[in-house]
Amino acid sequence: MEQEQENKEDVAIVLDYLPNGYPFDKRPSHRKTPIVQAVGTHRFVLLELVPKKDVFLQPYKEVYIGEGKRDDIHHINGRLPFEKLTNTAKAELPHVVAEIVKKNESLFVDFFNKSQPLSMRMHQIELLPGVGKKHMWQIIEERKEKEFESFADVKSRVTLMPDPEKAIIKRVMLELEGKDKHSLFVDR
């Protein structure tokens, strides 16, 4: 139960706002409800939200979805599969993910400091796009001497390291799209 509470999203960022609901919804317009497609800022959970009456939301707006009083959101319909995102939401998602990663840099730098092996042959670090065994071993050796403090620190101390921030963003996108069975950052 405690684990579930820890992974619960309290804040989401709007990806798309559909004031008249989904276009493929065949119900009469007076029966349709506005829909918000959003991504959680903690574990990148894709969510379908219903805004309060007369609330108009723009993409990139942060909305509170936790327990207690919510200003913009009436209720949460549930998780949203990547395939059900609108084209607008899919287009905005990489930008929103990049903003979340930038805003929480220390959290993601911590991944480089604390990542563990997945098996005898595979390490979590190797799941990052563009990072192979050589980079992985160099990261492990460098963090033994001193923990990384920023993305710039990782890049400067690991030779020919691809941009660590972009690698994290690409990894999150792969996980959101369901293109890998392993999940480092996305709660599925």
C-alpha atoms as a PDB file:
ATOM      1  CA  MET A   1       0.000   0.000   0.000  1.00  0.00           C
ATOM      2  CA  GLU A   2       2.840   2.386   0.883  1.00  0.00           C
ATOM      3  CA  GLN A   3       4.521   1.632  -2.469  1.00  0.00           C
ATOM      4  CA  GLU A   4       1.269   2.427  -4.292  1.00  0.00           C
ATOM      5  CA  GLN A   5       0.963   5.770  -2.481  1.00  0.00           C
ATOM      6  CA  GLU A   6       4.555   6.621  -3.377  1.00  0.00           C
ATOM      7  CA  ASN A   7       3.922   6.045  -7.096  1.00  0.00           C
ATOM      8  CA  LYS A   8       0.680   8.006  -7.179  1.00  0.00           C
ATOM      9  CA  GLU A   9       0.739  11.119  -9.331  1.00  0.00           C
ATOM     10  CA  ASP A  10      -0.176  14.416  -7.636  1.00  0.00           C
ATOM     11  CA  VAL A  11       0.608  16.760 -10.504  1.00  0.00           C
ATOM     12  CA  ALA A  12       0.104  16.286 -14.235  1.00  0.00           C
ATOM     13  CA  ILE A  13       0.917  18.388 -17.269  1.00  0.00           C
ATOM     14  CA  VAL A  14      -1.733  18.867 -19.933  1.00  0.00           C
ATOM     15  CA  LEU A  15      -0.819  17.431 -23.339  1.00  0.00           C
ATOM     16  CA  ASP A  16      -4.136  18.072 -25.084  1.00  0.00           C
ATOM     17  CA  TYR A  17      -7.544  19.497 -24.203  1.00  0.00           C
ATOM     18  CA  LEU A  18     -10.612  18.254 -26.060  1.00  0.00           C
ATOM     19  CA  PRO A  19     -13.477  20.609 -25.093  1.00  0.00           C
ATOM     20  CA  ASN A  20     -16.014  18.431 -26.962  1.00  0.00           C
ATOM     21  CA  GLY A  21     -14.610  15.052 -25.999  1.00  0.00           C
ATOM     22  CA  TYR A  22     -13.174  12.622 -28.520  1.00  0.00           C
ATOM     23  CA  PRO A  23     -14.153  13.188 -32.177  1.00  0.00           C
ATOM     24  CA  PHE A  24     -14.876   9.463 -32.636  1.00  0.00           C
ATOM     25  CA  ASP A  25     -17.375   9.492 -29.719  1.00  0.00           C
ATOM     26  CA  LYS A  26     -20.739   8.963 -31.476  1.00  0.00           C
ATOM     27  CA  ARG A  27     -22.864  10.261 -28.591  1.00  0.00           C
ATOM     28  CA  PRO A  28     -24.774  13.522 -29.124  1.00  0.00           C
ATOM     29  CA  SER A  29     -22.660  16.578 -28.254  1.00  0.00           C
ATOM     30  CA  HIS A  30     -24.724  17.428 -25.140  1.00  0.00           C
ATOM     31  CA  ARG A  31     -23.795  13.993 -23.685  1.00  0.00           C
ATOM     32  CA  LYS A  32     -20.046  14.294 -24.353  1.00  0.00           C
ATOM     33  CA  THR A  33     -17.675  15.477 -21.642  1.00  0.00           C
ATOM     34  CA  PRO A  34     -14.500  17.506 -22.155  1.00  0.00           C
ATOM     35  CA  ILE A  35     -11.348  15.398 -21.932  1.00  0.00           C
ATOM     36  CA  VAL A  36      -7.807  16.279 -20.908  1.00  0.00           C
ATOM     37  CA  GLN A  37      -4.904  14.071 -21.900  1.00  0.00           C
ATOM     38  CA  ALA A  38      -1.999  14.570 -19.504  1.00  0.00           C
ATOM     39  CA  VAL A  39       1.236  13.047 -18.221  1.00  0.00           C
ATOM     40  CA  GLY A  40       2.141  12.754 -14.540  1.00  0.00           C
ATOM     41  CA  THR A  41       5.254  14.598 -13.399  1.00  0.00           C
ATOM     42  CA  HIS A  42       6.455  11.909 -10.966  1.00  0.00           C
ATOM     43  CA  ARG A  43       6.321   8.594 -12.865  1.00  0.00           C
ATOM     44  CA  PHE A  44       5.272   9.745 -16.368  1.00  0.00           C
ATOM     45  CA  VAL A  45       1.853   8.066 -16.126  1.00  0.00           C
ATOM     46  CA  LEU A  46      -0.350   8.926 -19.116  1.00  0.00           C
ATOM     47  CA  LEU A  47      -3.771   9.945 -17.806  1.00  0.00           C
ATOM     48  CA  GLU A  48      -7.229  10.799 -19.064  1.00  0.00           C
ATOM     49  CA  LEU A  49      -8.751  13.557 -16.935  1.00  0.00           C
ATOM     50  CA  VAL A  50     -12.107  15.311 -16.875  1.00  0.00           C
ATOM     51  CA  PRO A  51     -11.881  19.058 -16.195  1.00  0.00           C
ATOM     52  CA  LYS A  52     -14.330  20.913 -13.980  1.00  0.00           C
ATOM     53  CA  LYS A  53     -17.236  22.661 -15.666  1.00  0.00           C
ATOM     54  CA  ASP A  54     -16.257  25.864 -17.508  1.00  0.00           C
ATOM     55  CA  VAL A  55     -12.513  25.201 -17.079  1.00  0.00           C
ATOM     56  CA  PHE A  56     -10.474  25.582 -20.259  1.00  0.00           C
ATOM     57  CA  LEU A  57      -6.976  24.114 -20.171  1.00  0.00           C
ATOM     58  CA  GLN A  58      -3.993  24.811 -22.413  1.00  0.00           C
ATOM     59  CA  PRO A  59      -1.194  22.352 -23.214  1.00  0.00           C
ATOM     60  CA  TYR A  60       1.774  22.612 -20.778  1.00  0.00           C
ATOM     61  CA  LYS A  61      -0.469  23.721 -17.885  1.00  0.00           C
ATOM     62  CA  GLU A  62       0.333  21.965 -14.616  1.00  0.00           C
ATOM     63  CA  VAL A  63      -2.784  20.652 -12.872  1.00  0.00           C
ATOM     64  CA  TYR A  64      -3.120  19.222  -9.383  1.00  0.00           C
ATOM     65  CA  ILE A  65      -4.692  15.738  -9.431  1.00  0.00           C
ATOM     66  CA  GLY A  66      -3.858  14.499  -5.912  1.00  0.00           C
ATOM     67  CA  GLU A  67      -6.127  14.001  -2.909  1.00  0.00           C
ATOM     68  CA  GLY A  68      -8.213  16.892  -1.638  1.00  0.00           C
ATOM     69  CA  LYS A  69      -9.394  20.029  -3.435  1.00  0.00           C
ATOM     70  CA  ARG A  70      -8.527  20.283  -7.110  1.00  0.00           C
ATOM     71  CA  ASP A  71      -8.898  23.605  -8.900  1.00  0.00           C
ATOM     72  CA  ASP A  72      -9.098  22.444 -12.526  1.00  0.00           C
ATOM     73  CA  ILE A  73      -9.792  18.710 -12.578  1.00  0.00           C
ATOM     74  CA  HIS A  74     -13.116  17.141 -11.650  1.00  0.00           C
ATOM     75  CA  HIS A  75     -11.973  13.519 -11.762  1.00  0.00           C
ATOM     76  CA  ILE A  76      -9.499  11.094 -13.290  1.00  0.00           C
ATOM     77  CA  ASN A  77     -10.924   8.635 -15.799  1.00  0.00           C
ATOM     78  CA  GLY A  78      -7.806   6.483 -15.548  1.00  0.00           C
ATOM     79  CA  ARG A  79      -4.606   5.565 -17.288  1.00  0.00           C
ATOM     80  CA  LEU A  80      -4.319   6.169 -20.984  1.00  0.00           C
ATOM     81  CA  PRO A  81      -2.518   3.833 -23.401  1.00  0.00           C
ATOM     82  CA  PHE A  82       0.007   5.623 -25.636  1.00  0.00           C
ATOM     83  CA  GLU A  83      -1.952   4.565 -28.747  1.00  0.00           C
ATOM     84  CA  LYS A  84      -5.018   6.493 -27.543  1.00  0.00           C
ATOM     85  CA  LEU A  85      -3.152   9.823 -27.347  1.00  0.00           C
ATOM     86  CA  THR A  86      -4.269  12.408 -29.884  1.00  0.00           C
ATOM     87  CA  ASN A  87      -1.779  13.589 -32.510  1.00  0.00           C
ATOM     88  CA  THR A  88      -1.441  16.851 -30.577  1.00  0.00           C
ATOM     89  CA  ALA A  89      -0.696  14.992 -27.331  1.00  0.00           C
ATOM     90  CA  LYS A  90       1.871  12.775 -29.097  1.00  0.00           C
ATOM     91  CA  ALA A  91       3.543  15.863 -30.570  1.00  0.00           C
ATOM     92  CA  GLU A  92       3.685  17.660 -27.190  1.00  0.00           C
ATOM     93  CA  LEU A  93       4.806  14.642 -25.138  1.00  0.00           C
ATOM     94  CA  PRO A  94       8.564  14.779 -25.962  1.00  0.00           C
ATOM     95  CA  HIS A  95       8.676  18.496 -25.059  1.00  0.00           C
ATOM     96  CA  VAL A  96       6.824  17.926 -21.784  1.00  0.00           C
ATOM     97  CA  VAL A  97       9.053  14.939 -20.897  1.00  0.00           C
ATOM     98  CA  ALA A  98      12.132  17.097 -21.613  1.00  0.00           C
ATOM     99  CA  GLU A  99      10.793  19.818 -19.283  1.00  0.00           C
ATOM    100  CA  ILE A 100      10.086  17.306 -16.492  1.00  0.00           C
ATOM    101  CA  VAL A 101      13.593  15.833 -16.824  1.00  0.00           C
ATOM    102  CA  LYS A 102      15.182  19.321 -16.800  1.00  0.00           C
ATOM    103  CA  LYS A 103      13.145  20.380 -13.772  1.00  0.00           C
ATOM    104  CA  ASN A 104      14.109  17.228 -11.844  1.00  0.00           C
ATOM    105  CA  GLU A 105      17.723  16.933 -12.979  1.00  0.00           C
ATOM    106  CA  SER A 106      19.043  15.769  -9.600  1.00  0.00           C
ATOM    107  CA  LEU A 107      16.546  12.893  -9.565  1.00  0.00           C
ATOM    108  CA  PHE A 108      17.736  11.650 -12.951  1.00  0.00           C
ATOM    109  CA  VAL A 109      21.425  12.267 -12.206  1.00  0.00           C
ATOM    110  CA  ASP A 110      20.815  10.060  -9.171  1.00  0.00           C
ATOM    111  CA  PHE A 111      19.972   7.258 -11.615  1.00  0.00           C
ATOM    112  CA  PHE A 112      23.607   7.380 -12.818  1.00  0.00           C
ATOM    113  CA  ASN A 113      24.757   7.199  -9.183  1.00  0.00           C
ATOM    114  CA  LYS A 114      22.476   4.413  -7.980  1.00  0.00           C
ATOM    115  CA  SER A 115      21.555   2.212 -10.974  1.00  0.00           C
ATOM    116  CA  GLN A 116      22.045  -1.519 -10.519  1.00  0.00           C
ATOM    117  CA  PRO A 117      22.557  -4.624 -12.685  1.00  0.00           C
ATOM    118  CA  LEU A 118      19.395  -6.175 -14.133  1.00  0.00           C
ATOM    119  CA  SER A 119      21.079  -9.556 -14.596  1.00  0.00           C
ATOM    120  CA  MET A 120      24.551 -11.061 -14.871  1.00  0.00           C
ATOM    121  CA  ARG A 121      24.840  -9.688 -18.417  1.00  0.00           C
ATOM    122  CA  MET A 122      22.813  -6.490 -18.372  1.00  0.00           C
ATOM    123  CA  HIS A 123      22.957  -3.264 -16.342  1.00  0.00           C
ATOM    124  CA  GLN A 124      20.240  -0.593 -16.050  1.00  0.00           C
ATOM    125  CA  ILE A 125      22.638   1.994 -17.484  1.00  0.00           C
ATOM    126  CA  GLU A 126      22.863  -0.012 -20.724  1.00  0.00           C
ATOM    127  CA  LEU A 127      19.136   0.542 -21.279  1.00  0.00           C
ATOM    128  CA  LEU A 128      19.838   4.202 -22.053  1.00  0.00           C
ATOM    129  CA  PRO A 129      20.010   4.822 -25.812  1.00  0.00           C
ATOM    130  CA  GLY A 130      23.607   5.236 -27.010  1.00  0.00           C
ATOM    131  CA  VAL A 131      25.141   3.844 -23.808  1.00  0.00           C
ATOM    132  CA  GLY A 132      27.067   0.592 -24.106  1.00  0.00           C
ATOM    133  CA  LYS A 133      29.300  -1.528 -21.891  1.00  0.00           C
ATOM    134  CA  LYS A 134      32.306   0.844 -22.152  1.00  0.00           C
ATOM    135  CA  HIS A 135      30.241   3.827 -20.979  1.00  0.00           C
ATOM    136  CA  MET A 136      28.574   1.713 -18.313  1.00  0.00           C
ATOM    137  CA  TRP A 137      31.912   0.614 -16.807  1.00  0.00           C
ATOM    138  CA  GLN A 138      33.272   4.144 -16.940  1.00  0.00           C
ATOM    139  CA  ILE A 139      30.151   5.480 -15.195  1.00  0.00           C
ATOM    140  CA  ILE A 140      30.466   2.807 -12.481  1.00  0.00           C
ATOM    141  CA  GLU A 141      34.179   3.577 -11.948  1.00  0.00           C
ATOM    142  CA  GLU A 142      33.608   7.356 -11.869  1.00  0.00           C
ATOM    143  CA  ARG A 143      30.742   7.167  -9.396  1.00  0.00           C
ATOM    144  CA  LYS A 144      32.895   5.077  -7.025  1.00  0.00           C
ATOM    145  CA  GLU A 145      35.334   7.985  -6.792  1.00  0.00           C
ATOM    146  CA  LYS A 146      32.673  10.688  -6.458  1.00  0.00           C
ATOM    147  CA  GLU A 147      28.931  10.756  -7.161  1.00  0.00           C
ATOM    148  CA  PHE A 148      27.778  12.700 -10.201  1.00  0.00           C
ATOM    149  CA  GLU A 149      26.269  16.096  -9.438  1.00  0.00           C
ATOM    150  CA  SER A 150      24.681  17.094 -12.758  1.00  0.00           C
ATOM    151  CA  PHE A 151      24.188  16.003 -16.365  1.00  0.00           C
ATOM    152  CA  ALA A 152      27.162  18.217 -17.273  1.00  0.00           C
ATOM    153  CA  ASP A 153      29.257  16.409 -14.654  1.00  0.00           C
ATOM    154  CA  VAL A 154      28.331  13.010 -16.157  1.00  0.00           C
ATOM    155  CA  LYS A 155      29.163  14.238 -19.654  1.00  0.00           C
ATOM    156  CA  SER A 156      32.501  15.749 -18.627  1.00  0.00           C
ATOM    157  CA  ARG A 157      33.718  12.729 -16.635  1.00  0.00           C
ATOM    158  CA  VAL A 158      32.633   9.967 -19.046  1.00  0.00           C
ATOM    159  CA  THR A 159      34.563   9.991 -22.330  1.00  0.00           C
ATOM    160  CA  LEU A 160      32.462  10.313 -25.495  1.00  0.00           C
ATOM    161  CA  MET A 161      29.282   9.969 -23.456  1.00  0.00           C
ATOM    162  CA  PRO A 162      26.158  10.834 -25.452  1.00  0.00           C
ATOM    163  CA  ASP A 163      24.225  13.729 -23.894  1.00  0.00           C
ATOM    164  CA  PRO A 164      22.939  12.133 -20.633  1.00  0.00           C
ATOM    165  CA  GLU A 165      19.861  14.366 -20.492  1.00  0.00           C
ATOM    166  CA  LYS A 166      18.828  13.454 -24.048  1.00  0.00           C
ATOM    167  CA  ALA A 167      19.517   9.762 -23.327  1.00  0.00           C
ATOM    168  CA  ILE A 168      17.138   9.889 -20.335  1.00  0.00           C
ATOM    169  CA  ILE A 169      14.463  11.690 -22.409  1.00  0.00           C
ATOM    170  CA  LYS A 170      14.775   9.127 -25.227  1.00  0.00           C
ATOM    171  CA  ARG A 171      14.545   6.296 -22.685  1.00  0.00           C
ATOM    172  CA  VAL A 172      11.377   7.746 -21.122  1.00  0.00           C
ATOM    173  CA  MET A 173       9.821   8.091 -24.595  1.00  0.00           C
ATOM    174  CA  LEU A 174      10.693   4.449 -25.449  1.00  0.00           C
ATOM    175  CA  GLU A 175       9.031   3.328 -22.232  1.00  0.00           C
ATOM    176  CA  LEU A 176       5.925   5.481 -22.817  1.00  0.00           C
ATOM    177  CA  GLU A 177       5.591   4.047 -26.324  1.00  0.00           C
ATOM    178  CA  GLY A 178       5.887   0.533 -24.857  1.00  0.00           C
ATOM    179  CA  LYS A 179       8.941  -0.315 -26.971  1.00  0.00           C
ATOM    180  CA  ASP A 180      10.851  -2.046 -24.159  1.00  0.00           C
ATOM    181  CA  LYS A 181       9.816  -4.555 -21.514  1.00  0.00           C
ATOM    182  CA  HIS A 182      12.031  -2.891 -18.890  1.00  0.00           C
ATOM    183  CA  SER A 183      10.704   0.174 -17.131  1.00  0.00           C
ATOM    184  CA  LEU A 184      13.221   2.463 -15.421  1.00  0.00           C
ATOM    185  CA  PHE A 185      11.280   5.714 -15.245  1.00  0.00           C
ATOM    186  CA  VAL A 186       7.677   5.082 -16.350  1.00  0.00           C
ATOM    187  CA  ASP A 187       5.057   3.518 -14.101  1.00  0.00           C
ATOM    188  CA  ARG A 188       3.023   1.206 -16.311  1.00  0.00           C
END
